[in-house]
Structures are given as structure tokens and as C-alpha cells.
Amino acid sequence: MAIDGQTLAVIIPAYRAEGTIGAVLDGMLPYVDWVIVVEDASPDGTAAAVEGRGERRVLLLRHARNRGVGAAMVTGFRKALELQAGLIAKIDADGQMDPAYLDRFARISLRHGCDYVKANRFGHLDAIGAMPRLRFFGSVLLTFLTKLASGYWNVFDPQNGYILIRRRMLKRLNLGRIDESYFFENSMLILLNVLRARIGEIYLPARYGG
């Protein structure tokens, strides 16, 4: 569904997501033009669960070997550029990111001139108590290191993987320099800072499952 005249593609890096990917797709389709699922050589039935839906707006790309979330995102980015999507977002396959907020990401980007928009889990103090303790302390440490490396001191939750980027900025990124592992978000901010990208952040409550 085009937002302010811009088409929206969402990339889902998927690994061991057989049990969750169906619900994620069901919740997302009302809000997007395309969903690009990048199955990262998952040993379970993730690919079959996607193929079995028969939805033309869901595109399945598969890696022959497991390469990491960053590599999956680069594969998805290339496909989104090929589709001419004006806005490109990332949502994980575990159901912890609510697609109902995609329109907010898009409007912050389009109406406030942001090249890149990230979710922020720490907008309210009660959100900290809801986060698993190990994840919280790990996020605090990585947040400081990412701010130090990227220069984006005003980004409060750089580890959050719920993101949206505009096509014009994605075309400028050197996709070959994006980290292929779980440091994907950190490397994105470092590369965006080199390009002087304008970053927006929106508070969204995180949904933690098992």
C-alpha cells in the first residue's frame, strides 16, 4: 500500500522461523506493497512455510549457505532496489516487531526529511523492566560502542533492528561494506554517518516472546 505516493517493501531475514513466519506475514500484508523474505539456509521448514502461502506480493529469496542477518539484508536491499521501492523496511521473523507501525516510520521519513528511521525501545522507563536482563545490559554496552563508532550520539537505541530507509539513501550506500553478521545495525549507522544521513527515531514498545 503506497504511503504518500511511495511504495513500501519490507525485508524479513529468516532463519529457523518455521513456527512464526506465517503470523508475521499475515500481520504485515495489509500495510506493504512487497514482502521480501530472505531465507538464510534455514535447516527447518521456513522456506516451505513461505512458499505454501501462494501470495504474489511475498517474494522468497534463498541463500545456499548460512551467511548471517546482515548478508540477508543486503540480498533483500538489492531486490528492493530492483523493485523500485521508495521505502524499504526491516522486520524480524520472530513476531517481536509490530507491522502496524510501518506507516509511522514512513511518515516520519517523508514529512520530516529523515533518510533512516529506527525504533526505540527505551522511550519509557517501564519498557526497561520488560526487557530480558541479559539483553538489556548487552544493549547498553553495544549502544555506547555504536554511538562512539558512528557519531550518532542522539540515537538512543542503535541496536534496535526495526528500521526504514529511503531508496535515495540506500542507493548511495556501499552495500558491500555492510557487516554480514549481527552487527548489521551498527555498521549501517557508521556508513550512514559517512554520508551525513538524517536519522529519525520513534518509540515503540517491544514485544518479547519466548
Protein backbone atom coordinates (compact mmCIF):
# COMPACT_ATOMS: atom_id res chain seq x y z
CA MET A 1 0.00 0.00 0.00
CA ALA A 2 1.68 3.23 -1.15
CA ILE A 3 2.22 5.81 1.59
CA ASP A 4 2.23 9.44 0.43
CA GLY A 5 2.88 8.13 -3.06
CA GLN A 6 5.84 5.96 -2.03
CA THR A 7 5.78 2.17 -2.36
CA LEU A 8 6.95 0.14 0.62
CA ALA A 9 8.93 -3.10 0.63
CA VAL A 10 9.70 -4.96 3.85
CA ILE A 11 12.64 -7.32 4.14
CA ILE A 12 12.42 -10.26 6.55
CA PRO A 13 15.72 -12.07 7.22
CA ALA A 14 14.53 -15.55 8.15
CA TYR A 15 16.34 -18.36 9.95
CA ARG A 16 14.61 -21.09 11.97
CA ALA A 17 11.33 -19.18 11.62
CA GLU A 18 9.03 -22.01 10.56
CA GLY A 19 6.77 -21.51 13.57
CA THR A 20 6.46 -17.72 13.38
CA ILE A 21 6.83 -16.59 9.76
CA GLY A 22 3.20 -17.28 8.82
CA ALA A 23 1.76 -15.00 11.51
CA VAL A 24 4.33 -12.31 10.69
CA LEU A 25 3.31 -12.34 7.02
CA ASP A 26 -0.40 -12.28 7.87
CA GLY A 27 0.10 -9.22 10.06
CA MET A 28 2.23 -7.39 7.54
CA LEU A 29 0.48 -7.78 4.19
CA PRO A 30 -2.21 -5.12 4.79
CA TYR A 31 0.50 -2.45 5.13
CA VAL A 32 3.00 -3.16 2.36
CA ASP A 33 3.46 -3.45 -1.38
CA TRP A 34 6.04 -6.25 -1.21
CA VAL A 35 7.50 -8.56 1.40
CA ILE A 36 10.96 -9.91 0.62
CA VAL A 37 11.74 -12.96 2.73
CA VAL A 38 15.41 -13.91 2.65
CA GLU A 39 15.74 -17.48 3.92
CA ASP A 40 19.30 -17.78 5.17
CA ALA A 41 19.84 -21.53 4.60
CA SER A 42 17.50 -22.39 7.45
CA PRO A 43 17.50 -26.11 8.32
CA ASP A 44 13.78 -26.18 9.18
CA GLY A 45 10.66 -25.61 7.07
CA THR A 46 10.87 -21.82 6.89
CA ALA A 47 11.03 -21.71 3.08
CA ALA A 48 8.15 -24.18 2.72
CA ALA A 49 6.02 -22.12 5.11
CA VAL A 50 6.54 -19.06 2.91
CA GLU A 51 6.03 -20.84 -0.40
CA GLY A 52 2.87 -22.50 0.84
CA ARG A 53 1.08 -19.19 1.22
CA GLY A 54 0.90 -18.54 -2.53
CA GLU A 55 0.90 -14.75 -2.07
CA ARG A 56 2.23 -12.90 -5.15
CA ARG A 57 3.46 -9.94 -3.08
CA VAL A 58 5.66 -12.22 -0.98
CA LEU A 59 9.00 -12.88 -2.69
CA LEU A 60 11.20 -15.66 -1.36
CA LEU A 61 14.97 -15.45 -1.84
CA ARG A 62 17.20 -18.24 -0.55
CA HIS A 63 20.86 -18.44 0.43
CA ALA A 64 22.68 -21.67 -0.35
CA ARG A 65 24.59 -21.38 2.94
CA ASN A 66 24.00 -19.54 6.19
CA ARG A 67 25.63 -16.11 5.88
CA GLY A 68 24.12 -14.00 8.67
CA VAL A 69 21.42 -11.40 9.10
CA GLY A 70 23.46 -8.62 7.51
CA ALA A 71 24.07 -10.67 4.38
CA ALA A 72 20.36 -11.49 4.23
CA MET A 73 19.55 -7.80 4.43
CA VAL A 74 21.96 -6.94 1.62
CA THR A 75 20.27 -9.57 -0.56
CA GLY A 76 16.91 -8.03 0.34
CA PHE A 77 18.15 -4.48 -0.26
CA ARG A 78 19.28 -5.38 -3.77
CA LYS A 79 15.89 -6.89 -4.55
CA ALA A 80 14.03 -3.87 -3.14
CA LEU A 81 16.10 -1.55 -5.35
CA GLU A 82 15.28 -3.76 -8.32
CA LEU A 83 11.57 -3.43 -7.47
CA GLN A 84 11.94 0.39 -7.39
CA ALA A 85 10.53 0.54 -3.85
CA GLY A 86 10.58 4.08 -2.48
CA LEU A 87 10.78 2.97 1.16
CA ILE A 88 12.47 -0.17 2.47
CA ALA A 89 11.97 -1.52 5.98
CA LYS A 90 13.29 -4.44 8.01
CA ILE A 91 11.14 -6.57 10.29
CA ASP A 92 12.35 -9.72 12.01
CA ALA A 93 10.72 -13.11 11.56
CA ASP A 94 10.13 -13.75 15.27
CA GLY A 95 6.99 -11.63 15.67
CA GLN A 96 8.52 -9.10 18.09
CA MET A 97 8.05 -6.13 15.72
CA ASP A 98 4.52 -4.86 15.12
CA PRO A 99 3.96 -4.03 11.40
CA ALA A 100 1.05 -1.74 12.31
CA TYR A 101 3.66 0.95 13.00
CA LEU A 102 5.10 0.92 9.47
CA ASP A 103 3.03 3.90 8.43
CA ARG A 104 4.52 5.94 11.30
CA PHE A 105 8.03 5.08 10.14
CA ALA A 106 7.13 6.13 6.62
CA ARG A 107 5.53 9.42 7.60
CA ILE A 108 8.42 10.40 9.88
CA SER A 109 10.76 9.78 6.97
CA LEU A 110 8.71 11.58 4.35
CA ARG A 111 7.35 14.51 6.35
CA HIS A 112 10.46 15.23 8.42
CA GLY A 113 13.07 14.55 5.77
CA CYS A 114 14.66 11.56 7.52
CA ASP A 115 16.79 9.24 5.42
CA TYR A 116 16.67 6.47 8.02
CA VAL A 117 14.21 5.80 10.84
CA LYS A 118 14.78 3.45 13.78
CA ALA A 119 12.60 2.16 16.57
CA ASN A 120 13.50 3.00 20.17
CA ARG A 121 12.53 0.56 22.93
CA PHE A 122 13.52 2.89 25.77
CA GLY A 123 11.09 5.77 25.40
CA HIS A 124 9.51 4.96 28.77
CA LEU A 125 11.13 3.63 31.94
CA ASP A 126 8.66 0.76 32.22
CA ALA A 127 9.98 -0.58 28.91
CA ILE A 128 13.32 -1.31 30.59
CA GLY A 129 11.67 -3.64 33.09
CA ALA A 130 10.01 -5.59 30.29
CA MET A 131 13.32 -6.33 28.55
CA PRO A 132 15.16 -9.54 29.46
CA ARG A 133 18.04 -8.56 31.78
CA LEU A 134 20.86 -10.04 29.70
CA ARG A 135 19.55 -8.31 26.58
CA PHE A 136 19.26 -5.01 28.45
CA PHE A 137 22.86 -4.96 29.69
CA GLY A 138 24.16 -6.14 26.34
CA SER A 139 22.20 -3.39 24.59
CA VAL A 140 23.58 -0.73 26.94
CA LEU A 141 27.17 -1.73 26.21
CA LEU A 142 26.68 -2.03 22.45
CA THR A 143 24.73 1.24 22.40
CA PHE A 144 27.68 3.14 23.85
CA LEU A 145 30.16 1.49 21.48
CA THR A 146 27.95 2.15 18.47
CA LYS A 147 27.50 5.80 19.38
CA LEU A 148 31.25 6.13 19.78
CA ALA A 149 31.93 4.50 16.41
CA SER A 150 29.13 6.07 14.38
CA GLY A 151 28.97 9.57 15.82
CA TYR A 152 25.18 9.41 16.17
CA TRP A 153 25.04 10.34 19.87
CA ASN A 154 21.38 11.36 19.60
CA VAL A 155 20.27 7.83 18.59
CA PHE A 156 19.13 6.26 21.83
CA ASP A 157 18.60 2.64 20.75
CA PRO A 158 21.06 1.84 17.93
CA GLN A 159 20.71 -1.92 18.50
CA ASN A 160 17.04 -1.94 17.51
CA GLY A 161 16.56 -3.77 14.23
CA TYR A 162 13.17 -2.28 13.29
CA ILE A 163 14.29 0.20 10.63
CA LEU A 164 13.21 2.01 7.48
CA ILE A 165 15.43 3.60 4.85
CA ARG A 166 14.58 5.73 1.84
CA ARG A 167 15.50 4.50 -1.61
CA ARG A 168 17.57 7.58 -2.40
CA MET A 169 19.84 6.91 0.60
CA LEU A 170 20.00 3.15 0.09
CA LYS A 171 21.27 3.72 -3.46
CA ARG A 172 24.18 5.73 -2.03
CA LEU A 173 25.23 3.08 0.48
CA ASN A 174 28.11 0.77 -0.32
CA LEU A 175 26.21 -2.46 0.32
CA GLY A 176 29.43 -4.45 0.16
CA ARG A 177 30.62 -2.79 3.37
CA ILE A 178 27.61 -3.72 5.49
CA ASP A 179 28.52 -6.24 8.17
CA GLU A 180 27.09 -9.67 7.36
CA SER A 181 26.59 -10.70 10.99
CA TYR A 182 24.51 -9.41 13.89
CA PHE A 183 26.47 -6.13 13.81
CA PHE A 184 24.36 -5.18 10.79
CA GLU A 185 22.59 -2.31 12.59
CA ASN A 186 25.86 -0.90 13.91
CA SER A 187 27.58 -0.95 10.53
CA MET A 188 24.57 0.71 8.92
CA LEU A 189 24.83 3.67 11.29
CA ILE A 190 28.56 4.02 10.67
CA LEU A 191 28.06 4.03 6.90
CA LEU A 192 25.12 6.42 7.13
CA ASN A 193 27.17 8.86 9.19
CA VAL A 194 29.79 8.97 6.44
CA LEU A 195 27.01 10.06 4.07
CA ARG A 196 25.64 12.59 6.60
CA ALA A 197 22.27 10.85 6.61
CA ARG A 198 19.49 12.34 8.73
CA ILE A 199 18.30 9.81 11.33
CA GLY A 200 14.87 9.71 12.96
CA GLU A 201 13.83 7.62 15.96
CA ILE A 202 10.37 6.58 17.13
CA TYR A 203 9.39 4.99 20.43
CA LEU A 204 7.73 1.63 20.04
CA PRO A 205 7.08 -0.88 22.81
CA ALA A 206 8.97 -4.10 22.16
CA ARG A 207 7.18 -7.44 22.20
CA TYR A 208 9.29 -10.13 23.83
CA GLY A 209 8.31 -13.72 23.28
CA GLY A 210 9.90 -16.93 24.45
